[in-house]
Protein backbone atom coordinates (compact mmCIF):
# COMPACT_ATOMS: atom_id res chain seq x y z
CA UNK A 1 4.14 -10.87 -12.43
CA UNK A 2 4.38 -9.74 -8.79
CA UNK A 3 4.63 -12.17 -5.90
CA UNK A 4 0.97 -11.69 -5.04
CA UNK A 5 -0.13 -12.47 -8.53
CA UNK A 6 2.06 -15.67 -8.65
CA UNK A 7 0.52 -16.74 -5.27
CA UNK A 8 -3.01 -16.18 -6.57
CA UNK A 9 -2.19 -18.08 -9.72
CA UNK A 10 -0.84 -21.13 -7.74
CA UNK A 11 -3.94 -20.99 -5.53
CA UNK A 12 -6.26 -20.99 -8.54
CA UNK A 13 -4.35 -23.88 -10.20
CA UNK A 14 -4.53 -25.89 -7.01
CA UNK A 15 -8.22 -25.18 -6.62
CA UNK A 16 -8.84 -26.07 -10.23
CA UNK A 17 -6.88 -29.36 -9.75
CA UNK A 18 -8.99 -30.29 -6.65
CA UNK A 19 -12.18 -29.74 -8.50
CA UNK A 20 -10.96 -31.63 -11.54
CA UNK A 21 -9.83 -34.63 -9.30
CA UNK A 22 -13.25 -34.63 -7.47
CA UNK A 23 -15.08 -34.85 -10.82
CA UNK A 24 -12.79 -37.64 -12.02
CA UNK A 25 -13.28 -39.67 -8.79
CA UNK A 26 -17.09 -39.17 -8.91
CA UNK A 27 -17.41 -40.23 -12.50
CA UNK A 28 -14.66 -42.77 -12.90
CA UNK A 29 -17.30 -45.34 -14.33
CA UNK A 30 -18.19 -42.85 -17.04
CA UNK A 31 -14.87 -41.47 -18.01
CA UNK A 32 -16.08 -39.86 -21.30
CA UNK A 33 -18.70 -37.75 -19.39
CA UNK A 34 -16.05 -36.78 -16.79
CA UNK A 35 -13.68 -35.44 -19.44
CA UNK A 36 -16.49 -33.36 -20.87
CA UNK A 37 -17.21 -31.95 -17.49
CA UNK A 38 -13.48 -31.30 -16.83
CA UNK A 39 -13.28 -29.47 -20.24
CA UNK A 40 -16.24 -27.30 -19.33
CA UNK A 41 -14.71 -26.42 -15.94
CA UNK A 42 -11.38 -25.72 -17.50
CA UNK A 43 -13.04 -23.31 -19.90
CA UNK A 44 -14.91 -21.54 -17.06
CA UNK A 45 -11.53 -21.38 -15.13
CA UNK A 46 -9.73 -19.85 -18.09
CA UNK A 47 -12.57 -17.34 -18.54
CA UNK A 48 -12.43 -16.32 -14.88
CA UNK A 49 -8.74 -15.85 -15.07
CA UNK A 50 -9.02 -13.74 -18.30
CA UNK A 51 -11.75 -11.53 -16.74
CA UNK A 52 -9.56 -11.07 -13.58
CA UNK A 53 -6.53 -10.15 -15.62
CA UNK A 54 -8.41 -7.65 -17.82
CA UNK A 55 -10.52 -6.20 -14.92
CA UNK A 56 -8.56 -2.87 -14.73
CA UNK A 57 -8.88 -2.32 -18.41
CA UNK A 58 -12.67 -3.11 -18.34
CA UNK A 59 -13.20 -0.82 -15.37
CA UNK A 60 -11.42 2.09 -17.01
CA UNK A 61 -13.56 1.57 -20.10
CA UNK A 62 -16.96 1.47 -18.39
CA UNK A 63 -16.14 4.06 -15.60
CA UNK A 64 -17.53 7.50 -16.33
CA UNK A 65 -14.98 10.12 -16.98
CA UNK A 66 -14.52 13.74 -16.13
CA UNK A 67 -16.82 15.98 -18.35
CA UNK A 68 -16.30 19.64 -19.06
CA UNK A 69 -19.25 21.58 -20.59
CA UNK A 70 -17.73 24.88 -21.75
CA UNK A 71 -21.06 26.45 -22.84
CA UNK A 72 -22.63 26.09 -19.50
CA UNK A 73 -19.41 26.71 -17.49
CA UNK A 74 -19.69 23.39 -15.61
CA UNK A 75 -17.38 20.53 -14.84
CA UNK A 76 -18.79 17.17 -13.78
CA UNK A 77 -16.71 14.80 -11.94
CA UNK A 78 -17.97 11.19 -11.35
CA UNK A 79 -17.45 9.53 -7.98
CA UNK A 80 -14.57 7.01 -8.19
CA UNK A 81 -15.06 3.44 -6.82
CA UNK A 82 -13.11 4.45 -3.85
CA UNK A 83 -15.69 7.18 -3.00
CA UNK A 84 -13.47 10.12 -3.87
CA UNK A 85 -13.77 12.69 -6.77
CA UNK A 86 -10.70 13.07 -8.99
CA UNK A 87 -10.02 15.84 -11.53
CA UNK A 88 -7.32 16.26 -14.14
CA UNK A 89 -5.88 19.75 -14.37
CA UNK A 90 -3.21 21.14 -16.65
CA UNK A 91 -0.56 22.62 -14.33
CA UNK A 92 1.98 24.70 -16.24
CA UNK A 93 0.89 22.65 -19.39
CA UNK A 94 1.37 19.29 -17.65
CA UNK A 95 -1.56 17.02 -16.79
CA UNK A 96 -1.82 16.46 -13.02
CA UNK A 97 -4.44 14.18 -11.38
CA UNK A 98 -5.97 15.79 -8.15
CA UNK A 99 -8.24 14.40 -5.47
CA UNK A 100 -10.90 16.87 -4.59
CA UNK A 101 -10.48 17.62 -0.88
CA UNK A 102 -12.94 20.18 0.58
CA UNK A 103 -11.14 19.59 3.99
CA UNK A 104 -7.89 20.91 2.56
CA UNK A 105 -7.30 24.67 2.69
CA UNK A 106 -4.90 24.87 -0.27
CA UNK A 107 -3.84 23.21 -3.45
CA UNK A 108 -1.10 20.72 -2.57
CA UNK A 109 1.09 19.02 -5.17
CA UNK A 110 3.05 15.86 -4.70
CA UNK A 111 6.86 16.27 -5.28
CA UNK A 112 6.50 14.15 -8.46
CA UNK A 113 3.65 16.30 -9.77
CA UNK A 114 5.58 19.55 -9.05
CA UNK A 115 8.69 18.21 -10.79
CA UNK A 116 6.59 17.25 -13.90
CA UNK A 117 5.04 20.70 -13.89
CA UNK A 118 8.47 22.31 -14.06
CA UNK A 119 9.16 23.14 -10.45
CA UNK A 120 12.67 22.53 -9.32
CA UNK A 121 11.95 20.56 -6.16
CA UNK A 122 15.65 20.47 -5.16
CA UNK A 123 15.62 24.17 -4.42
CA UNK A 124 12.39 24.39 -2.58
CA UNK A 125 12.33 25.63 1.02
CA UNK A 126 10.01 23.61 3.14
CA UNK A 127 9.34 26.37 5.71
CA UNK A 128 5.60 25.96 6.33
CA UNK A 129 3.74 23.22 7.98
CA UNK A 130 0.31 21.55 7.31
CA UNK A 131 -1.72 19.48 9.71
CA UNK A 132 -2.97 16.28 8.14
CA UNK A 133 -4.77 13.18 9.39
CA UNK A 134 -1.31 11.57 9.65
CA UNK A 135 0.20 14.48 11.62
CA UNK A 136 2.24 17.54 10.66
CA UNK A 137 3.98 17.67 7.32
CA UNK A 138 6.41 20.22 5.90
CA UNK A 139 5.35 22.11 2.86
CA UNK A 140 6.92 24.66 0.39
CA UNK A 141 4.97 27.54 -0.88
CA UNK A 142 4.93 27.92 -4.70
CA UNK A 143 3.18 29.90 -7.39
CA UNK A 144 1.90 28.10 -10.39
CA UNK A 145 2.18 30.02 -13.67
CA UNK A 146 -1.01 28.49 -15.05
CA UNK A 147 -3.70 26.04 -14.00
CA UNK A 148 -6.33 25.00 -16.65
CA UNK A 149 -9.29 22.74 -16.93
CA UNK A 150 -11.24 22.78 -20.17
CA UNK A 151 -11.83 26.47 -21.10
CA UNK A 152 -10.99 27.75 -17.64
CA UNK A 153 -7.48 28.99 -17.14
CA UNK A 154 -6.14 30.69 -13.96
CA UNK A 155 -2.76 32.31 -13.74
CA UNK A 156 -0.42 32.86 -10.75
CA UNK A 157 -2.16 30.24 -8.60
CA UNK A 158 -0.78 29.87 -5.10
CA UNK A 159 -0.11 26.29 -4.02
CA UNK A 160 2.12 24.11 -1.84
CA UNK A 161 4.45 21.22 -2.42
CA UNK A 162 4.28 18.50 0.11
CA UNK A 163 7.69 17.58 1.60
CA UNK A 164 6.63 14.10 2.56
CA UNK A 165 5.09 11.22 0.84
CA UNK A 166 1.66 11.71 -0.64
CA UNK A 167 -0.24 9.49 -3.11
CA UNK A 168 -2.27 12.15 -4.81
CA UNK A 169 -2.14 15.97 -5.22
CA UNK A 170 -4.96 17.61 -3.25
CA UNK A 171 -7.33 20.23 -4.83
CA UNK A 172 -8.26 22.27 -1.80
CA UNK A 173 -10.54 25.16 -1.07
CA UNK A 174 -8.15 27.96 -2.20
CA UNK A 175 -8.80 26.67 -5.84
CA UNK A 176 -12.33 25.46 -5.39
CA UNK A 177 -13.43 28.92 -4.17
CA UNK A 178 -12.86 30.12 -7.80
CA UNK A 179 -16.06 28.38 -8.75
CA UNK A 180 -19.50 29.99 -8.14
CA UNK A 181 -20.96 26.68 -6.85
CA UNK A 182 -19.94 23.17 -5.85
CA UNK A 183 -22.70 20.59 -5.67
CA UNK A 184 -22.76 16.86 -5.12
CA UNK A 185 -25.74 15.34 -6.94
CA UNK A 186 -26.38 11.87 -8.36
CA UNK A 187 -22.91 10.42 -7.76
CA UNK A 188 -21.29 13.48 -9.37
CA UNK A 189 -19.47 16.59 -8.19
CA UNK A 190 -20.56 19.56 -10.27
CA UNK A 191 -18.34 22.64 -10.31
CA UNK A 192 -20.01 25.70 -11.89
CA UNK A 193 -18.26 28.97 -12.93
C-alpha cells in the first residue's frame, strides 16, 4: 500500500468510528437496535472500500476497447476517460501504447518504448529538437522496421525517440496520414484505410 492509500484508509476508519459512535450515543436506550444499525453501516462501509479497491479492474472491464474491422479497413478507438484517444500498435513486434496526437508532426516514442521495440537507446544521437507545450526537447531520429495494427503493416516507418521524460508515446500526423480518413464521431476516433 502506498502512503496515500494508507492515509485514505485511516481517514475512512476514523469516519466510520465517528458514525458508529454517533449511532451508539443516539440509541443507547435501545442497544440491540443500535448494534443492528452499526452492523448495517459496517457492511456498507466494507462494500464501499471493496468497490474503491476494485474500481480500476471494473473500469477496465466495462471500458470499450480498440476495435479493428479488417474487412472494412477501419479502426475504431474509444475516447478514454481522460478525453484522449489511445491506440495499441505493434512496433517491431512489440506492443506499444500511443496517444493519438493530431498536433504532433511525427511519431514519437518514449525511451522505454524504443528500448522494448529493440532500439538501442544508449547509442542514439539526440541531434534534433521538437517544440512541445513544455518547451524544447531533444529527439533522435530512428527508422522502425515494422509498425502494425490489425491487418495493416507498414515498413521502414520514420519516427523519433524523445530524449526527455514523456508519459506516453505519441502517434502524430506522419503516421496518421497513412489513413484515407480520420473522423471523430460518437465518442470514437475512426481511422479508415
